[in-house]
Amino acid sequence: MKNTNKCHVKKDDKVKIITGKDKGKIGKVLKVINKKNRVLVENINIVKRHTRPSAQNRQGGIIETEAPIHWTNVMLMCNKCMSPSRIRMRQLEDGKKVRVCAKCDEVLDA
């Protein structure tokens, strides 16, 4: 079964978490996982993982890492109005499609 959903955020976007234990925090998107509809956000959804000593990790112990969250739980931050906002798609004169802030009409793609 093919996943046809399109994500509204891309790598290196600044997003705000709107639900969950990290609600209200702002972070940068590190990775978008399209097959599972999830994004990995910097310093958000920190989980502890118990690991055994191995060749890569000689000490072992408890490692804290970010876990992916569903992309419906994040909103894109606009740099101009400094608030989380929905986005619209707009086609420029040269035929290129760009993401635009729905509040202030600022182009979000660089």
N, C-alpha and C. Protein backbone atom coordinates (compact mmCIF):
# COMPACT_ATOMS: atom_id res chain seq x y z
N MET A 1 0.84 -1.19 0.00
CA MET A 1 0.00 0.00 0.00
C MET A 1 0.88 1.25 0.00
N LYS A 2 0.65 2.12 -0.94
CA LYS A 2 1.48 3.30 -1.10
C LYS A 2 0.96 4.45 -0.26
N ASN A 3 1.87 5.16 0.41
CA ASN A 3 1.50 6.32 1.20
C ASN A 3 1.49 7.54 0.29
N THR A 4 0.34 8.20 0.13
CA THR A 4 0.22 9.33 -0.77
C THR A 4 0.16 10.66 -0.03
N ASN A 5 0.34 10.64 1.29
CA ASN A 5 0.29 11.89 2.05
C ASN A 5 1.52 12.72 1.77
N LYS A 6 1.34 14.05 1.73
CA LYS A 6 2.46 14.96 1.55
C LYS A 6 2.66 15.74 2.83
N CYS A 7 3.89 15.87 3.23
CA CYS A 7 4.22 16.57 4.47
C CYS A 7 4.32 18.07 4.20
N HIS A 8 3.86 18.88 5.15
CA HIS A 8 3.90 20.33 5.00
C HIS A 8 5.20 20.93 5.51
N VAL A 9 6.06 20.12 6.12
CA VAL A 9 7.35 20.61 6.61
C VAL A 9 8.48 19.90 5.88
N LYS A 10 9.62 20.57 5.82
CA LYS A 10 10.81 20.01 5.18
C LYS A 10 11.96 20.05 6.17
N LYS A 11 13.04 19.41 5.81
CA LYS A 11 14.23 19.42 6.65
C LYS A 11 14.73 20.85 6.83
N ASP A 12 15.21 21.16 8.02
CA ASP A 12 15.75 22.47 8.41
C ASP A 12 14.67 23.54 8.60
N ASP A 13 13.39 23.19 8.58
CA ASP A 13 12.33 24.15 8.90
C ASP A 13 12.27 24.34 10.41
N LYS A 14 11.84 25.54 10.84
CA LYS A 14 11.61 25.80 12.26
C LYS A 14 10.14 25.53 12.53
N VAL A 15 9.86 24.64 13.51
CA VAL A 15 8.48 24.26 13.80
C VAL A 15 8.18 24.44 15.29
N LYS A 16 6.89 24.57 15.59
CA LYS A 16 6.42 24.64 16.97
C LYS A 16 5.57 23.41 17.24
N ILE A 17 5.75 22.79 18.41
CA ILE A 17 4.99 21.61 18.79
C ILE A 17 3.65 22.07 19.34
N ILE A 18 2.54 21.53 18.80
CA ILE A 18 1.22 22.00 19.21
C ILE A 18 0.49 21.04 20.14
N THR A 19 0.95 19.78 20.25
CA THR A 19 0.33 18.84 21.19
C THR A 19 1.40 17.94 21.77
N GLY A 20 1.06 17.29 22.88
CA GLY A 20 1.96 16.32 23.48
C GLY A 20 2.73 16.88 24.66
N LYS A 21 3.68 16.11 25.14
CA LYS A 21 4.41 16.49 26.35
C LYS A 21 5.34 17.68 26.13
N ASP A 22 5.71 17.95 24.89
CA ASP A 22 6.60 19.07 24.57
C ASP A 22 5.85 20.24 23.95
N LYS A 23 4.56 20.38 24.25
CA LYS A 23 3.72 21.42 23.66
C LYS A 23 4.30 22.80 23.94
N GLY A 24 4.38 23.62 22.88
CA GLY A 24 4.88 24.98 23.01
C GLY A 24 6.35 25.14 22.69
N LYS A 25 7.11 24.06 22.60
CA LYS A 25 8.54 24.15 22.31
C LYS A 25 8.76 24.36 20.82
N ILE A 26 9.88 24.99 20.50
CA ILE A 26 10.24 25.27 19.11
C ILE A 26 11.54 24.56 18.80
N GLY A 27 11.62 23.93 17.64
CA GLY A 27 12.83 23.22 17.26
C GLY A 27 12.97 23.16 15.75
N LYS A 28 14.11 22.65 15.31
CA LYS A 28 14.43 22.52 13.90
C LYS A 28 14.21 21.08 13.46
N VAL A 29 13.62 20.89 12.29
CA VAL A 29 13.37 19.56 11.76
C VAL A 29 14.68 18.97 11.28
N LEU A 30 15.04 17.81 11.85
CA LEU A 30 16.27 17.13 11.47
C LEU A 30 16.05 16.14 10.34
N LYS A 31 14.86 15.50 10.32
CA LYS A 31 14.59 14.45 9.34
C LYS A 31 13.09 14.31 9.15
N VAL A 32 12.65 14.04 7.94
CA VAL A 32 11.26 13.76 7.63
C VAL A 32 11.16 12.31 7.21
N ILE A 33 10.30 11.54 7.89
CA ILE A 33 10.12 10.11 7.59
C ILE A 33 8.75 9.97 6.92
N ASN A 34 8.73 9.99 5.59
CA ASN A 34 7.48 10.00 4.84
C ASN A 34 6.67 8.71 5.00
N LYS A 35 7.33 7.57 5.05
CA LYS A 35 6.61 6.30 5.12
C LYS A 35 5.79 6.16 6.39
N LYS A 36 6.25 6.78 7.48
CA LYS A 36 5.55 6.67 8.75
C LYS A 36 4.84 7.96 9.16
N ASN A 37 4.82 8.96 8.29
CA ASN A 37 4.18 10.26 8.56
C ASN A 37 4.75 10.93 9.81
N ARG A 38 6.06 10.91 9.96
CA ARG A 38 6.68 11.43 11.18
C ARG A 38 7.85 12.35 10.84
N VAL A 39 8.17 13.22 11.81
CA VAL A 39 9.32 14.11 11.70
C VAL A 39 10.17 13.98 12.96
N LEU A 40 11.46 14.18 12.79
CA LEU A 40 12.40 14.17 13.90
C LEU A 40 12.79 15.61 14.15
N VAL A 41 12.49 16.14 15.36
CA VAL A 41 12.73 17.54 15.69
C VAL A 41 13.82 17.61 16.74
N GLU A 42 14.70 18.58 16.58
CA GLU A 42 15.85 18.75 17.46
C GLU A 42 15.41 19.07 18.89
N ASN A 43 15.89 18.28 19.86
CA ASN A 43 15.62 18.44 21.30
C ASN A 43 14.14 18.32 21.66
N ILE A 44 13.37 17.59 20.89
CA ILE A 44 11.94 17.38 21.17
C ILE A 44 11.71 15.87 21.27
N ASN A 45 10.84 15.46 22.20
CA ASN A 45 10.47 14.07 22.42
C ASN A 45 11.71 13.23 22.76
N ILE A 46 12.42 13.69 23.79
CA ILE A 46 13.63 12.99 24.24
C ILE A 46 13.24 11.71 24.97
N VAL A 47 13.82 10.58 24.55
CA VAL A 47 13.55 9.29 25.19
C VAL A 47 14.87 8.71 25.67
N LYS A 48 14.80 7.89 26.72
CA LYS A 48 15.97 7.24 27.27
C LYS A 48 16.01 5.80 26.77
N ARG A 49 17.19 5.39 26.31
CA ARG A 49 17.36 4.05 25.77
C ARG A 49 18.49 3.37 26.52
N HIS A 50 18.22 2.19 27.05
CA HIS A 50 19.22 1.43 27.78
C HIS A 50 19.99 0.57 26.79
N THR A 51 21.31 0.73 26.77
CA THR A 51 22.13 -0.02 25.81
C THR A 51 23.20 -0.83 26.52
N ARG A 52 23.56 -1.95 25.90
CA ARG A 52 24.63 -2.80 26.41
C ARG A 52 25.97 -2.28 25.89
N PRO A 53 27.03 -2.60 26.57
CA PRO A 53 28.35 -2.27 26.02
C PRO A 53 28.58 -3.03 24.71
N SER A 54 29.13 -2.35 23.72
CA SER A 54 29.40 -2.96 22.42
C SER A 54 30.69 -2.39 21.86
N ALA A 55 31.02 -2.75 20.63
CA ALA A 55 32.24 -2.24 20.01
C ALA A 55 32.16 -0.73 19.79
N GLN A 56 30.98 -0.23 19.39
CA GLN A 56 30.83 1.20 19.16
C GLN A 56 30.70 1.97 20.47
N ASN A 57 29.96 1.39 21.43
CA ASN A 57 29.71 2.04 22.71
C ASN A 57 30.29 1.17 23.81
N ARG A 58 31.52 1.43 24.20
CA ARG A 58 32.22 0.57 25.16
C ARG A 58 31.58 0.62 26.54
N GLN A 59 31.09 1.77 26.94
CA GLN A 59 30.56 1.92 28.29
C GLN A 59 29.16 1.35 28.45
N GLY A 60 28.30 1.57 27.45
CA GLY A 60 26.91 1.17 27.61
C GLY A 60 26.18 2.18 28.48
N GLY A 61 25.03 1.80 29.03
CA GLY A 61 24.31 2.70 29.93
C GLY A 61 23.07 3.28 29.28
N ILE A 62 22.66 4.44 29.79
CA ILE A 62 21.43 5.09 29.34
C ILE A 62 21.79 6.21 28.37
N ILE A 63 21.22 6.14 27.18
CA ILE A 63 21.47 7.16 26.15
C ILE A 63 20.16 7.90 25.89
N GLU A 64 20.22 9.23 25.85
CA GLU A 64 19.04 10.04 25.55
C GLU A 64 19.09 10.47 24.08
N THR A 65 18.02 10.19 23.34
CA THR A 65 17.93 10.56 21.93
C THR A 65 16.55 11.12 21.63
N GLU A 66 16.44 11.78 20.48
CA GLU A 66 15.15 12.27 20.02
C GLU A 66 14.38 11.13 19.35
N ALA A 67 13.08 11.09 19.59
CA ALA A 67 12.21 10.13 18.92
C ALA A 67 11.32 10.90 17.94
N PRO A 68 10.93 10.28 16.82
CA PRO A 68 10.08 10.99 15.87
C PRO A 68 8.67 11.20 16.41
N ILE A 69 8.04 12.29 15.97
CA ILE A 69 6.65 12.58 16.33
C ILE A 69 5.84 12.73 15.04
N HIS A 70 4.54 12.57 15.15
CA HIS A 70 3.67 12.67 13.98
C HIS A 70 3.67 14.10 13.45
N TRP A 71 3.68 14.25 12.13
CA TRP A 71 3.82 15.60 11.58
C TRP A 71 2.57 16.46 11.71
N THR A 72 1.44 15.86 12.14
CA THR A 72 0.26 16.69 12.41
C THR A 72 0.38 17.39 13.75
N ASN A 73 1.38 17.04 14.56
CA ASN A 73 1.58 17.66 15.86
C ASN A 73 2.55 18.83 15.81
N VAL A 74 2.97 19.24 14.62
CA VAL A 74 3.86 20.39 14.49
C VAL A 74 3.26 21.41 13.53
N MET A 75 3.60 22.68 13.77
CA MET A 75 3.20 23.76 12.87
C MET A 75 4.43 24.54 12.46
N LEU A 76 4.46 24.94 11.21
CA LEU A 76 5.58 25.68 10.66
C LEU A 76 5.61 27.09 11.24
N MET A 77 6.81 27.56 11.62
CA MET A 77 6.97 28.91 12.15
C MET A 77 7.33 29.86 11.01
N CYS A 78 6.67 31.00 10.98
CA CYS A 78 6.97 32.03 10.00
C CYS A 78 8.05 32.94 10.57
N ASN A 79 9.06 33.28 9.77
CA ASN A 79 10.15 34.14 10.24
C ASN A 79 9.74 35.61 10.33
N LYS A 80 8.77 36.03 9.53
CA LYS A 80 8.37 37.44 9.53
C LYS A 80 7.42 37.75 10.68
N CYS A 81 6.33 36.99 10.81
CA CYS A 81 5.36 37.29 11.88
C CYS A 81 5.68 36.54 13.17
N MET A 82 6.73 35.69 13.18
CA MET A 82 7.23 34.98 14.37
C MET A 82 6.13 34.22 15.10
N SER A 83 5.26 33.59 14.35
CA SER A 83 4.19 32.80 14.96
C SER A 83 3.96 31.55 14.13
N PRO A 84 3.42 30.49 14.75
CA PRO A 84 3.09 29.30 13.97
C PRO A 84 1.90 29.60 13.07
N SER A 85 1.97 29.15 11.83
CA SER A 85 0.88 29.47 10.90
C SER A 85 0.70 28.34 9.91
N ARG A 86 -0.46 28.32 9.29
CA ARG A 86 -0.72 27.40 8.20
C ARG A 86 -0.02 27.92 6.96
N ILE A 87 0.11 27.05 5.98
CA ILE A 87 0.78 27.48 4.77
C ILE A 87 -0.15 27.33 3.57
N ARG A 88 0.14 28.10 2.56
CA ARG A 88 -0.55 28.00 1.28
C ARG A 88 0.51 27.82 0.21
N MET A 89 0.11 27.21 -0.88
CA MET A 89 1.01 27.07 -2.01
C MET A 89 0.69 28.16 -3.02
N ARG A 90 1.72 28.80 -3.54
CA ARG A 90 1.54 29.86 -4.53
C ARG A 90 2.52 29.62 -5.66
N GLN A 91 2.06 29.89 -6.87
CA GLN A 91 2.91 29.72 -8.03
C GLN A 91 3.46 31.09 -8.43
N LEU A 92 4.78 31.18 -8.58
CA LEU A 92 5.42 32.43 -8.97
C LEU A 92 5.33 32.62 -10.48
N GLU A 93 5.79 33.78 -10.94
CA GLU A 93 5.71 34.10 -12.37
C GLU A 93 6.53 33.12 -13.22
N ASP A 94 7.64 32.64 -12.64
CA ASP A 94 8.49 31.73 -13.41
C ASP A 94 7.99 30.29 -13.37
N GLY A 95 6.83 30.04 -12.76
CA GLY A 95 6.23 28.71 -12.73
C GLY A 95 6.63 27.88 -11.53
N LYS A 96 7.45 28.42 -10.66
CA LYS A 96 7.91 27.68 -9.48
C LYS A 96 6.86 27.78 -8.37
N LYS A 97 6.58 26.64 -7.71
CA LYS A 97 5.63 26.64 -6.60
C LYS A 97 6.39 26.85 -5.29
N VAL A 98 5.87 27.74 -4.44
CA VAL A 98 6.52 28.03 -3.16
C VAL A 98 5.48 27.98 -2.04
N ARG A 99 5.97 27.77 -0.82
CA ARG A 99 5.10 27.80 0.36
C ARG A 99 5.02 29.23 0.87
N VAL A 100 3.80 29.64 1.25
CA VAL A 100 3.57 31.01 1.69
C VAL A 100 2.84 30.98 3.02
N CYS A 101 3.22 31.86 3.95
CA CYS A 101 2.54 31.98 5.24
C CYS A 101 1.11 32.48 5.00
N ALA A 102 0.14 31.83 5.64
CA ALA A 102 -1.26 32.20 5.45
C ALA A 102 -1.60 33.50 6.17
N LYS A 103 -0.82 33.89 7.18
CA LYS A 103 -1.11 35.10 7.94
C LYS A 103 -0.55 36.36 7.27
N CYS A 104 0.72 36.29 6.87
CA CYS A 104 1.38 37.52 6.39
C CYS A 104 1.82 37.46 4.93
N ASP A 105 1.54 36.38 4.23
CA ASP A 105 1.91 36.20 2.82
C ASP A 105 3.42 36.27 2.57
N GLU A 106 4.22 35.90 3.55
CA GLU A 106 5.67 35.84 3.39
C GLU A 106 6.05 34.51 2.74
N VAL A 107 6.95 34.53 1.77
CA VAL A 107 7.41 33.31 1.11
C VAL A 107 8.34 32.58 2.08
N LEU A 108 8.03 31.29 2.36
CA LEU A 108 8.79 30.52 3.33
C LEU A 108 9.95 29.76 2.71
N ASP A 109 9.89 29.47 1.43
CA ASP A 109 10.98 28.78 0.76
C ASP A 109 12.05 29.78 0.34
N ALA A 110 13.28 29.42 0.59
CA ALA A 110 14.37 30.34 0.23
C ALA A 110 14.87 30.08 -1.17
